[in-house]
C-alpha atoms as a PDB file:
ATOM      1  CA  MET A   1     201.182 371.813 -89.230  1.00  0.00           C
ATOM      2  CA  LEU A   2     200.284 373.253 -86.528  1.00  0.00           C
ATOM      3  CA  ILE A   3     196.704 373.064 -87.107  1.00  0.00           C
ATOM      4  CA  ILE A   4     196.871 369.548 -87.627  1.00  0.00           C
ATOM      5  CA  MET A   5     198.559 369.217 -84.596  1.00  0.00           C
ATOM      6  CA  ILE A   6     196.282 370.905 -82.263  1.00  0.00           C
ATOM      7  CA  LEU A   7     193.548 368.848 -83.944  1.00  0.00           C
ATOM      8  CA  THR A   8     195.200 365.827 -83.730  1.00  0.00           C
ATOM      9  CA  TYR A   9     195.277 366.298 -80.140  1.00  0.00           C
ATOM     10  CA  VAL A  10     191.642 367.489 -79.537  1.00  0.00           C
ATOM     11  CA  VAL A  11     190.564 364.267 -81.353  1.00  0.00           C
ATOM     12  CA  ALA A  12     192.820 362.379 -79.131  1.00  0.00           C
ATOM     13  CA  ILE A  13     191.755 363.463 -75.902  1.00  0.00           C
ATOM     14  CA  GLY A  14     188.381 363.598 -76.451  1.00  0.00           C
ATOM     15  CA  GLN A  15     188.292 360.034 -77.834  1.00  0.00           C
ATOM     16  CA  PHE A  16     186.598 360.863 -80.987  1.00  0.00           C
ATOM     17  CA  SER A  17     185.876 358.486 -83.287  1.00  0.00           C
ATOM     18  CA  HIS A  18     187.714 358.729 -86.933  1.00  0.00           C
ATOM     19  CA  MET A  19     185.532 356.919 -89.976  1.00  0.00           C
ATOM     20  CA  VAL A  20     188.731 355.796 -91.733  1.00  0.00           C
ATOM     21  CA  ALA A  21     191.099 355.177 -88.723  1.00  0.00           C
ATOM     22  CA  GLY A  22     188.208 353.531 -86.467  1.00  0.00           C
ATOM     23  CA  SER A  23     187.214 351.561 -89.259  1.00  0.00           C
ATOM     24  CA  VAL A  24     190.367 349.187 -88.813  1.00  0.00           C
ATOM     25  CA  GLU A  25     189.428 348.375 -84.755  1.00  0.00           C
ATOM     26  CA  ALA A  26     185.378 348.219 -85.674  1.00  0.00           C
ATOM     27  CA  ALA A  27     186.556 345.661 -88.386  1.00  0.00           C
ATOM     28  CA  PHE A  28     188.431 343.523 -86.324  1.00  0.00           C
ATOM     29  CA  ALA A  29     185.943 343.475 -83.297  1.00  0.00           C
ATOM     30  CA  VAL A  30     183.453 341.640 -85.953  1.00  0.00           C
ATOM     31  CA  PHE A  31     185.738 339.830 -87.459  1.00  0.00           C
ATOM     32  CA  SER A  32     186.952 338.380 -84.515  1.00  0.00           C
ATOM     33  CA  GLY A  33     182.975 337.624 -83.240  1.00  0.00           C
ATOM     34  CA  HIS A  34     182.916 340.110 -81.118  1.00  0.00           C
ATOM     35  CA  ALA A  35     180.257 342.815 -82.533  1.00  0.00           C
ATOM     36  CA  THR A  36     178.352 341.986 -85.372  1.00  0.00           C
ATOM     37  CA  PRO A  37     177.825 344.303 -88.857  1.00  0.00           C
ATOM     38  CA  LEU A  38     174.500 346.100 -87.506  1.00  0.00           C
ATOM     39  CA  ASP A  39     176.396 346.936 -84.370  1.00  0.00           C
ATOM     40  CA  TYR A  40     179.359 348.106 -86.435  1.00  0.00           C
ATOM     41  CA  LEU A  41     176.556 350.309 -88.988  1.00  0.00           C
ATOM     42  CA  LEU A  42     174.390 351.423 -85.654  1.00  0.00           C
ATOM     43  CA  ARG A  43     177.197 351.532 -83.315  1.00  0.00           C
ATOM     44  CA  PHE A  44     180.274 352.717 -84.981  1.00  0.00           C
ATOM     45  CA  ALA A  45     179.774 354.099 -88.494  1.00  0.00           C
ATOM     46  CA  LEU A  46     176.377 356.041 -88.494  1.00  0.00           C
ATOM     47  CA  PRO A  47     177.570 358.009 -85.300  1.00  0.00           C
ATOM     48  CA  THR A  48     181.312 358.246 -86.982  1.00  0.00           C
ATOM     49  CA  LEU A  49     179.865 359.492 -90.096  1.00  0.00           C
ATOM     50  CA  ILE A  50     177.669 362.070 -88.910  1.00  0.00           C
ATOM     51  CA  GLY A  51     180.071 363.399 -86.594  1.00  0.00           C
ATOM     52  CA  ASN A  52     183.169 363.288 -88.995  1.00  0.00           C
ATOM     53  CA  THR A  53     181.141 365.152 -91.846  1.00  0.00           C
ATOM     54  CA  LEU A  54     179.777 367.698 -89.410  1.00  0.00           C
ATOM     55  CA  GLY A  55     183.324 368.526 -87.623  1.00  0.00           C
ATOM     56  CA  GLY A  56     184.797 368.567 -91.646  1.00  0.00           C
ATOM     57  CA  VAL A  57     182.352 371.089 -92.693  1.00  0.00           C
ATOM     58  CA  SER A  58     182.357 373.108 -89.732  1.00  0.00           C
ATOM     59  CA  LEU A  59     186.617 372.776 -89.395  1.00  0.00           C
ATOM     60  CA  VAL A  60     186.321 373.862 -93.644  1.00  0.00           C
ATOM     61  CA  ALA A  61     183.885 376.380 -93.035  1.00  0.00           C
ATOM     62  CA  ILE A  62     186.227 378.094 -90.388  1.00  0.00           C
ATOM     63  CA  LEU A  63     189.207 378.199 -92.212  1.00  0.00           C
ATOM     64  CA  ASN A  64     187.968 379.498 -95.205  1.00  0.00           C
ATOM     65  CA  HIS A  65     186.058 381.995 -93.905  1.00  0.00           C
ATOM     66  CA  ALA A  66     188.742 383.534 -92.305  1.00  0.00           C
ATOM     67  CA  PRO A  67     191.038 384.708 -94.534  1.00  0.00           C
ATOM     68  CA  LEU A  68     187.758 386.602 -96.032  1.00  0.00           C
ATOM     69  CA  ARG A  69     186.975 388.034 -92.690  1.00  0.00           C
ATOM     70  CA  SER A  70     189.984 390.626 -92.918  1.00  0.00           C
ATOM     71  CA  ASP A  71     188.857 391.849 -96.507  1.00  0.00           C
ATOM     72  CA  ALA A  72     185.623 392.158 -95.354  1.00  0.00           C
ATOM     73  CA  GLU A  73     186.100 394.708 -92.648  1.00  0.00           C
ATOM     74  CA  VAL A  74     187.720 397.420 -95.261  1.00  0.00           C
END
């Protein structure tokens, strides 16, 4: 639970976009005429998807490697 709270805090402080949470806001901008679908794809979806993928893979790699690290030193 503490890890989730810390990661949520870091995402909020850094004002990083999350693909699922940010899609609502971005879709509203498209439907209300403040952005085009191309803006949604190029300025939100693509960079956010890349960032979320890299961040998620890195986080999982670190969390999965940590328990194995102590076994490798024996």
